[in-house]
């Protein structure tokens, strides 16, 4: 029987691995229900009664960007001035959570910064006795030296390593060329789907119903756990800073659930992770899971993978909506570049240049993206080059009598 996600081939028992969620749930102080959709705004300007409506309208416009506001209450004092805070009710608790994540710390003007907190959090942490008012210095565990993640580069014979999945065992071996491979590590039930090296060989990923486990170092010890339930596909960024995971099953997250996945990931299929921190940067719904509408017997579309493609410098990651557009996001904030997708009618595929391109006469830092569109009516097929972040089309070529195009990009040729 395969081991669970939390006890994969580690001999040492660590008390921190014990799951105390059931005890936390049993003894957690229950708050009065019905306030999950409320947020408290702090940092608002203090204004007289005459300017109240103007301020409410300005702030409400920002609040509406994440959900539908049901009620906005800004108290006024005896001097007919606001107190600098307000209470807001959203339509759903999910919208309130989104407001905290998206709007907390947003500047209103040069002197005022919006602070957004859930009302239930203020009740939970502000209640007397909930927070120890006396500072206690945290206990810092003793330093433990870790294995070098690229230790194989120090091999005196300059050998490479390869992984072999056979039966229920996965082994990593030294490539001995004409001789018998030398075993480095051999483990039963190491993965439940497949294993996959990272582009530079730093990590070896194993796949489990609970998520992805990254291994590395001379003894291939645990490095990071990425808890994406029922994960089926993964893709690394070129320099191994990020990893994308996909599952056909949408993620299910309950409000307040412990772990790196939050309510924002609920219902999503794709997650982009920061490998160093082990935390998700952003999650997405898959474009291409369902078949044609109204035809239950129609086969599902083939999964487009990788769903996201990275620029050479890992500053941008792009996703295509077939036939319509390319959405380009800036890492690590994962905001949509210029807040708009690039519309390209009929787009079939795209690729990034594998290295940062330096063009004659262009001094700014840029990444190049190539794409192609098929023949549409009397219009010929087209291949284009786009500069990012400017989104400038720097070159196009028309193609005639073309049924398919495969993009193979170098820094000099396409």
Protein backbone atom coordinates (compact mmCIF):
# COMPACT_ATOMS: atom_id res chain seq x y z
CA UNK A 1 0.00 0.00 0.00
CA UNK A 2 1.35 3.42 -0.93
CA UNK A 3 2.34 5.75 1.93
CA UNK A 4 0.42 8.92 2.63
CA UNK A 5 1.57 12.38 1.65
CA UNK A 6 2.78 13.12 5.18
CA UNK A 7 5.04 10.12 5.80
CA UNK A 8 7.00 9.68 2.59
CA UNK A 9 10.22 7.74 3.33
CA UNK A 10 11.34 9.83 6.30
CA UNK A 11 12.85 7.83 9.13
CA UNK A 12 12.80 10.60 11.75
CA UNK A 13 9.57 11.31 13.61
CA UNK A 14 8.78 15.00 13.88
CA UNK A 15 6.09 16.16 16.31
CA UNK A 16 5.43 19.15 14.06
CA UNK A 17 4.01 16.76 11.47
CA UNK A 18 1.14 15.79 13.79
CA UNK A 19 -2.18 17.20 12.66
CA UNK A 20 -3.92 19.01 15.54
CA UNK A 21 -6.78 20.37 13.41
CA UNK A 22 -9.37 18.25 15.25
CA UNK A 23 -8.28 19.65 18.63
CA UNK A 24 -8.20 23.22 17.30
CA UNK A 25 -11.71 22.76 15.97
CA UNK A 26 -12.94 21.24 19.25
CA UNK A 27 -11.60 24.01 21.50
CA UNK A 28 -11.84 27.01 19.18
CA UNK A 29 -14.08 29.75 20.59
CA UNK A 30 -17.13 29.95 18.36
CA UNK A 31 -18.16 33.44 17.33
CA UNK A 32 -21.73 34.50 16.77
CA UNK A 33 -22.62 33.51 13.24
CA UNK A 34 -23.82 36.01 10.68
CA UNK A 35 -20.86 38.42 10.67
CA UNK A 36 -18.62 36.65 8.16
CA UNK A 37 -19.70 39.00 5.38
CA UNK A 38 -18.76 42.17 7.34
CA UNK A 39 -15.47 44.06 7.09
CA UNK A 40 -14.14 47.03 9.05
CA UNK A 41 -12.40 49.87 7.21
CA UNK A 42 -9.74 51.91 9.00
CA UNK A 43 -7.48 54.70 7.82
CA UNK A 44 -10.26 56.73 6.22
CA UNK A 45 -9.97 60.53 6.10
CA UNK A 46 -11.84 62.43 8.80
CA UNK A 47 -14.37 64.56 6.93
CA UNK A 48 -17.31 66.83 7.84
CA UNK A 49 -20.92 65.91 7.12
CA UNK A 50 -20.86 67.87 3.85
CA UNK A 51 -18.10 65.65 2.40
CA UNK A 52 -19.41 62.35 3.75
CA UNK A 53 -21.34 61.32 0.62
CA UNK A 54 -18.38 62.13 -1.61
CA UNK A 55 -16.03 59.98 0.50
CA UNK A 56 -18.52 57.11 0.70
CA UNK A 57 -18.94 57.14 -3.08
CA UNK A 58 -15.16 57.14 -3.63
CA UNK A 59 -14.49 54.28 -1.21
CA UNK A 60 -17.52 52.28 -2.39
CA UNK A 61 -16.13 52.28 -5.92
CA UNK A 62 -13.01 50.47 -4.66
CA UNK A 63 -15.06 48.08 -2.53
CA UNK A 64 -17.25 47.15 -5.49
CA UNK A 65 -14.22 45.85 -7.40
CA UNK A 66 -14.28 42.63 -5.34
CA UNK A 67 -17.99 42.13 -4.67
CA UNK A 68 -21.47 43.56 -4.14
CA UNK A 69 -21.77 45.91 -1.16
CA UNK A 70 -25.04 45.50 0.74
CA UNK A 71 -24.53 48.20 3.37
CA UNK A 72 -21.96 50.92 4.14
CA UNK A 73 -22.08 52.59 7.58
CA UNK A 74 -19.73 55.45 8.49
CA UNK A 75 -20.37 56.78 12.03
CA UNK A 76 -20.27 60.53 12.71
CA UNK A 77 -19.36 62.11 16.05
CA UNK A 78 -21.03 64.93 17.98
CA UNK A 79 -19.03 67.49 15.98
CA UNK A 80 -20.56 66.18 12.73
CA UNK A 81 -17.27 64.69 11.60
CA UNK A 82 -16.45 61.12 10.62
CA UNK A 83 -14.35 58.94 12.93
CA UNK A 84 -11.97 57.59 10.29
CA UNK A 85 -13.50 54.13 10.12
CA UNK A 86 -16.55 52.41 8.63
CA UNK A 87 -18.44 49.11 8.60
CA UNK A 88 -19.24 47.37 5.32
CA UNK A 89 -21.46 44.38 4.60
CA UNK A 90 -20.82 42.29 1.48
CA UNK A 91 -23.23 39.92 -0.19
CA UNK A 92 -21.17 36.82 0.73
CA UNK A 93 -18.34 35.90 3.15
CA UNK A 94 -16.17 35.06 0.12
CA UNK A 95 -16.46 38.64 -1.11
CA UNK A 96 -15.49 39.92 2.33
CA UNK A 97 -12.39 37.70 2.29
CA UNK A 98 -11.52 38.96 -1.19
CA UNK A 99 -11.80 42.56 0.04
CA UNK A 100 -9.31 41.88 2.84
CA UNK A 101 -6.85 40.26 0.45
CA UNK A 102 -7.14 42.77 -2.39
CA UNK A 103 -7.82 46.11 -0.68
CA UNK A 104 -5.89 45.98 2.61
CA UNK A 105 -3.00 48.43 2.36
CA UNK A 106 -4.30 50.21 -0.75
CA UNK A 107 -3.44 53.94 -0.79
CA UNK A 108 -6.43 56.28 -0.88
CA UNK A 109 -4.25 59.35 -1.28
CA UNK A 110 -0.79 60.53 -0.15
CA UNK A 111 -1.84 60.70 3.51
CA UNK A 112 -4.32 57.84 3.89
CA UNK A 113 -3.98 54.08 3.46
CA UNK A 114 -7.02 51.81 3.52
CA UNK A 115 -6.91 49.07 6.18
CA UNK A 116 -9.45 46.26 5.74
CA UNK A 117 -10.16 43.55 8.31
CA UNK A 118 -12.97 41.06 8.75
CA UNK A 119 -15.25 41.89 11.65
CA UNK A 120 -14.99 38.30 12.91
CA UNK A 121 -11.18 38.60 13.06
CA UNK A 122 -11.41 41.75 15.15
CA UNK A 123 -13.79 39.97 17.52
CA UNK A 124 -11.57 36.90 17.61
CA UNK A 125 -8.23 38.61 18.23
CA UNK A 126 -9.42 41.75 19.97
CA UNK A 127 -11.34 39.99 22.72
CA UNK A 128 -9.74 40.34 26.15
CA UNK A 129 -7.45 37.45 26.94
CA UNK A 130 -7.19 36.20 23.38
CA UNK A 131 -3.79 37.82 22.80
CA UNK A 132 -1.01 37.78 25.38
CA UNK A 133 -0.07 41.41 26.04
CA UNK A 134 3.34 40.41 27.37
CA UNK A 135 5.94 39.84 24.65
CA UNK A 136 7.61 36.46 24.68
CA UNK A 137 10.64 35.98 22.50
CA UNK A 138 10.13 33.14 20.00
CA UNK A 139 12.19 30.01 20.34
CA UNK A 140 14.61 29.76 17.46
CA UNK A 141 15.50 26.14 16.67
CA UNK A 142 19.20 25.34 16.32
CA UNK A 143 20.67 25.64 12.86
CA UNK A 144 20.65 22.42 10.88
CA UNK A 145 22.87 22.22 7.86
CA UNK A 146 21.01 21.08 4.76
CA UNK A 147 22.26 19.09 1.84
CA UNK A 148 23.42 20.96 -1.24
CA UNK A 149 20.59 20.83 -3.77
CA UNK A 150 23.03 20.54 -6.67
CA UNK A 151 25.46 18.15 -5.07
CA UNK A 152 25.70 15.99 -8.22
CA UNK A 153 27.64 18.80 -9.92
CA UNK A 154 30.56 17.96 -7.60
CA UNK A 155 30.86 14.41 -8.92
CA UNK A 156 34.56 13.89 -9.82
CA UNK A 157 33.57 11.92 -12.92
CA UNK A 158 31.10 14.61 -14.11
CA UNK A 159 28.30 12.05 -14.34
CA UNK A 160 24.62 12.80 -14.74
CA UNK A 161 21.78 11.23 -12.77
CA UNK A 162 18.58 9.72 -14.11
CA UNK A 163 15.38 8.41 -12.51
CA UNK A 164 13.86 5.03 -13.33
CA UNK A 165 10.27 4.08 -12.46
CA UNK A 166 9.81 0.31 -12.49
CA UNK A 167 6.98 -1.65 -10.88
CA UNK A 168 6.24 0.03 -7.56
CA UNK A 169 9.80 1.35 -7.15
CA UNK A 170 11.51 4.56 -8.19
CA UNK A 171 15.28 4.70 -8.29
CA UNK A 172 17.83 7.41 -9.02
CA UNK A 173 21.05 6.24 -10.65
CA UNK A 174 24.41 7.59 -11.79
CA UNK A 175 24.80 7.30 -15.55
CA UNK A 176 27.92 5.15 -16.01
CA UNK A 177 27.83 5.23 -19.84
CA UNK A 178 29.07 1.76 -20.86
CA UNK A 179 29.02 0.31 -17.34
CA UNK A 180 26.13 -0.77 -15.11
CA UNK A 181 24.30 2.27 -13.61
CA UNK A 182 25.23 2.99 -9.98
CA UNK A 183 22.25 3.28 -7.62
CA UNK A 184 21.92 6.46 -5.55
CA UNK A 185 18.56 5.82 -3.91
CA UNK A 186 15.80 3.25 -4.45
CA UNK A 187 12.39 3.59 -2.76
CA UNK A 188 9.15 1.61 -3.02
CA UNK A 189 5.88 3.53 -3.46
CA UNK A 190 7.81 6.78 -3.89
CA UNK A 191 5.12 8.17 -6.20
CA UNK A 192 1.59 7.27 -7.20
CA UNK A 193 1.56 8.71 -10.73
CA UNK A 194 5.00 9.67 -12.05
CA UNK A 195 8.19 11.52 -11.13
CA UNK A 196 9.46 14.62 -12.90
CA UNK A 197 12.80 16.42 -12.76
CA UNK A 198 12.97 20.20 -12.61
CA UNK A 199 14.68 21.86 -15.63
CA UNK A 200 18.05 22.32 -13.88
CA UNK A 201 17.89 19.02 -12.00
CA UNK A 202 17.53 20.60 -8.56
CA UNK A 203 14.27 18.87 -7.62
CA UNK A 204 12.57 15.55 -8.28
CA UNK A 205 8.78 15.74 -7.91
CA UNK A 206 6.60 12.83 -6.80
CA UNK A 207 2.83 12.84 -7.31
CA UNK A 208 0.24 11.88 -4.69
CA UNK A 209 -3.53 12.30 -4.15
CA UNK A 210 -2.70 14.91 -1.50
CA UNK A 211 -0.39 16.92 -3.77
CA UNK A 212 3.19 17.26 -4.98
CA UNK A 213 6.29 16.45 -2.94
CA UNK A 214 9.64 17.93 -4.01
CA UNK A 215 12.83 16.03 -3.18
CA UNK A 216 16.46 17.07 -3.47
CA UNK A 217 20.00 16.90 -2.13
CA UNK A 218 22.48 14.04 -2.13
CA UNK A 219 20.08 11.70 -0.30
CA UNK A 220 16.91 13.07 -1.96
CA UNK A 221 15.31 14.33 1.24
CA UNK A 222 12.04 16.26 1.50
CA UNK A 223 12.23 19.85 0.34
CA UNK A 224 8.68 21.18 -0.16
CA UNK A 225 5.10 19.94 -0.06
CA UNK A 226 2.54 21.52 -2.35
CA UNK A 227 -0.91 20.32 -1.22
CA UNK A 228 -2.97 20.36 -4.43
CA UNK A 229 -5.50 17.50 -4.00
CA UNK A 230 -5.67 14.95 -6.84
CA UNK A 231 -2.94 16.74 -8.80
CA UNK A 232 -2.35 15.22 -12.24
CA UNK A 233 0.08 17.48 -14.11
CA UNK A 234 2.91 19.82 -13.16
CA UNK A 235 5.18 22.25 -15.01
CA UNK A 236 8.23 24.13 -13.68
CA UNK A 237 9.32 27.62 -14.65
CA UNK A 238 12.66 27.75 -16.56
CA UNK A 239 14.80 28.65 -13.54
CA UNK A 240 12.82 26.55 -11.04
CA UNK A 241 11.44 29.48 -9.06
CA UNK A 242 7.80 28.55 -9.68
CA UNK A 243 5.75 25.44 -10.40
CA UNK A 244 2.26 25.06 -11.89
CA UNK A 245 -0.07 22.23 -10.83
CA UNK A 246 -3.30 21.03 -12.44
CA UNK A 247 -6.14 18.72 -11.50
CA UNK A 248 -9.34 17.89 -13.35
CA UNK A 249 -11.14 18.06 -9.99
CA UNK A 250 -11.80 21.58 -8.72
CA UNK A 251 -10.19 22.41 -5.38
CA UNK A 252 -12.54 22.42 -2.40
CA UNK A 253 -11.60 24.74 0.47
CA UNK A 254 -13.75 25.60 3.46
CA UNK A 255 -13.65 29.08 5.01
CA UNK A 256 -10.98 29.11 7.72
CA UNK A 257 -9.41 25.83 6.63
CA UNK A 258 -5.79 25.43 7.75
CA UNK A 259 -3.06 25.20 5.14
CA UNK A 260 -1.66 27.27 2.27
CA UNK A 261 -4.83 26.94 0.17
CA UNK A 262 -7.44 29.58 1.01
CA UNK A 263 -11.02 30.22 0.01
CA UNK A 264 -9.62 32.03 -3.05
CA UNK A 265 -8.54 28.65 -4.47
CA UNK A 266 -11.98 27.07 -4.03
CA UNK A 267 -13.35 25.80 -7.34
CA UNK A 268 -10.06 26.31 -9.21
CA UNK A 269 -8.12 23.69 -11.21
CA UNK A 270 -4.71 25.32 -11.68
CA UNK A 271 -2.37 26.71 -9.01
CA UNK A 272 0.92 28.55 -9.53
CA UNK A 273 3.26 28.09 -6.54
CA UNK A 274 6.38 29.81 -5.27
CA UNK A 275 8.75 26.88 -4.69
CA UNK A 276 10.90 28.67 -2.10
CA UNK A 277 7.98 29.55 0.19
CA UNK A 278 5.70 26.65 -0.74
CA UNK A 279 2.76 29.07 -1.01
CA UNK A 280 0.34 29.62 -3.91
CA UNK A 281 0.69 32.84 -5.87
CA UNK A 282 -2.61 32.59 -7.73
CA UNK A 283 -5.14 29.99 -8.85
CA UNK A 284 -7.20 29.69 -12.02
CA UNK A 285 -10.13 27.80 -13.51
CA UNK A 286 -9.20 25.59 -16.47
CA UNK A 287 -10.42 26.81 -19.86
CA UNK A 288 -10.72 23.50 -21.62
CA UNK A 289 -12.28 20.87 -19.39
CA UNK A 290 -15.86 20.81 -20.70
CA UNK A 291 -17.01 19.63 -24.10
CA UNK A 292 -19.35 21.62 -26.35
CA UNK A 293 -22.38 23.00 -24.55
CA UNK A 294 -25.62 21.13 -25.04
CA UNK A 295 -23.94 17.92 -26.20
CA UNK A 296 -23.58 15.61 -23.22
CA UNK A 297 -22.25 12.77 -25.39
CA UNK A 298 -19.50 14.89 -26.94
CA UNK A 299 -15.96 14.02 -25.81
CA UNK A 300 -14.15 16.45 -23.55
CA UNK A 301 -11.52 18.65 -25.14
CA UNK A 302 -7.91 17.65 -24.78
CA UNK A 303 -6.22 19.37 -21.86
CA UNK A 304 -3.96 22.15 -23.10
CA UNK A 305 -0.65 21.69 -21.27
CA UNK A 306 1.31 23.54 -20.22
CA UNK A 307 -1.59 25.85 -19.51
CA UNK A 308 0.84 28.65 -18.57
CA UNK A 309 4.14 29.42 -20.28
CA UNK A 310 6.98 31.38 -18.67
CA UNK A 311 9.25 34.04 -20.09
CA UNK A 312 12.99 33.36 -19.94
CA UNK A 313 13.52 35.71 -16.97
CA UNK A 314 10.46 34.33 -15.11
CA UNK A 315 9.05 37.86 -14.76
CA UNK A 316 6.02 37.02 -16.92
CA UNK A 317 3.75 34.03 -17.36
CA UNK A 318 1.16 33.85 -20.13
CA UNK A 319 -1.97 31.87 -20.81
CA UNK A 320 -3.88 31.54 -24.07
CA UNK A 321 -7.63 31.47 -24.56
CA UNK A 322 -7.70 29.56 -27.88
CA UNK A 323 -9.01 31.62 -30.76
CA UNK A 324 -9.34 34.79 -28.71
CA UNK A 325 -6.52 36.20 -26.60
CA UNK A 326 -3.34 35.89 -24.52
CA UNK A 327 -3.37 36.90 -20.85
CA UNK A 328 0.04 37.93 -19.50
CA UNK A 329 0.69 38.09 -15.75
CA UNK A 330 3.58 39.71 -13.88
CA UNK A 331 5.32 37.51 -11.32
CA UNK A 332 5.36 37.31 -8.37
CA UNK A 333 2.34 39.61 -7.85
CA UNK A 334 0.43 37.76 -10.59
CA UNK A 335 -1.44 40.87 -11.70
CA UNK A 336 -2.68 41.01 -15.28
CA UNK A 337 -0.27 43.14 -17.33
CA UNK A 338 -1.88 46.53 -17.99
CA UNK A 339 -5.10 45.01 -16.57
CA UNK A 340 -6.10 43.73 -20.02
CA UNK A 341 -5.54 40.63 -22.14
CA UNK A 342 -4.07 40.89 -25.64
CA UNK A 343 -6.82 40.13 -28.16
CA UNK A 344 -5.58 38.06 -31.12
CA UNK A 345 -8.44 36.70 -33.23
CA UNK A 346 -7.97 33.04 -34.12
CA UNK A 347 -4.77 32.50 -32.12
CA UNK A 348 -3.74 28.83 -32.08
CA UNK A 349 -0.44 28.75 -30.18
CA UNK A 350 2.34 30.91 -28.75
CA UNK A 351 5.87 30.53 -27.36
CA UNK A 352 8.35 32.69 -25.46
CA UNK A 353 11.92 33.25 -26.63
CA UNK A 354 14.04 30.88 -24.48
CA UNK A 355 16.47 33.66 -23.52
CA UNK A 356 16.29 37.42 -23.05
CA UNK A 357 16.61 39.04 -26.48
CA UNK A 358 18.75 42.10 -27.15
CA UNK A 359 17.65 43.86 -30.35
CA UNK A 360 19.69 46.47 -32.17
CA UNK A 361 18.64 49.95 -31.14
CA UNK A 362 16.41 48.74 -28.30
CA UNK A 363 17.80 49.66 -24.88
CA UNK A 364 14.87 48.65 -22.70
CA UNK A 365 14.65 45.20 -21.11
CA UNK A 366 12.13 43.08 -22.98
CA UNK A 367 10.94 39.55 -23.56
CA UNK A 368 9.75 38.36 -26.97
CA UNK A 369 6.65 36.27 -27.50
CA UNK A 370 5.75 34.59 -30.82
CA UNK A 371 2.27 33.49 -31.89
CA UNK A 372 0.43 32.29 -34.98
CA UNK A 373 -3.08 32.51 -36.38
CA UNK A 374 -4.61 30.33 -39.16
CA UNK A 375 -6.17 31.37 -42.44
CA UNK A 376 -9.53 33.02 -41.74
CA UNK A 377 -11.68 33.67 -44.79
CA UNK A 378 -9.53 35.53 -47.33
CA UNK A 379 -6.95 36.47 -44.70
CA UNK A 380 -3.71 34.44 -44.78
CA UNK A 381 -2.18 32.66 -41.80
CA UNK A 382 0.12 34.88 -39.79
CA UNK A 383 3.13 34.57 -37.47
CA UNK A 384 3.86 37.51 -35.17
CA UNK A 385 6.46 38.66 -32.65
CA UNK A 386 5.34 40.70 -29.66
CA UNK A 387 7.56 42.63 -27.22
CA UNK A 388 6.67 42.38 -23.54
CA UNK A 389 5.90 44.41 -21.43
CA UNK A 390 5.08 47.03 -24.09
CA UNK A 391 2.86 44.56 -26.07
CA UNK A 392 4.25 46.11 -29.25
CA UNK A 393 4.01 43.92 -32.37
CA UNK A 394 7.58 44.12 -33.68
CA UNK A 395 7.27 41.82 -36.71
CA UNK A 396 4.65 39.81 -38.63
CA UNK A 397 4.82 37.43 -41.60
CA UNK A 398 1.94 36.19 -43.75
CA UNK A 399 1.82 32.49 -44.61
CA UNK A 400 -0.18 30.95 -47.46
CA UNK A 401 -1.65 27.46 -47.89
CA UNK A 402 -0.77 26.58 -44.28
CA UNK A 403 -2.63 23.97 -42.26
CA UNK A 404 -0.40 23.88 -39.16
CA UNK A 405 2.53 25.74 -37.60
CA UNK A 406 5.01 24.61 -34.96
CA UNK A 407 6.89 27.42 -33.22
CA UNK A 408 10.57 26.75 -32.49
CA UNK A 409 12.10 29.90 -31.05
CA UNK A 410 15.74 30.80 -30.46
CA UNK A 411 17.20 34.18 -29.54
CA UNK A 412 18.09 34.74 -33.22
CA UNK A 413 15.58 32.81 -35.32
CA UNK A 414 11.93 31.71 -35.34
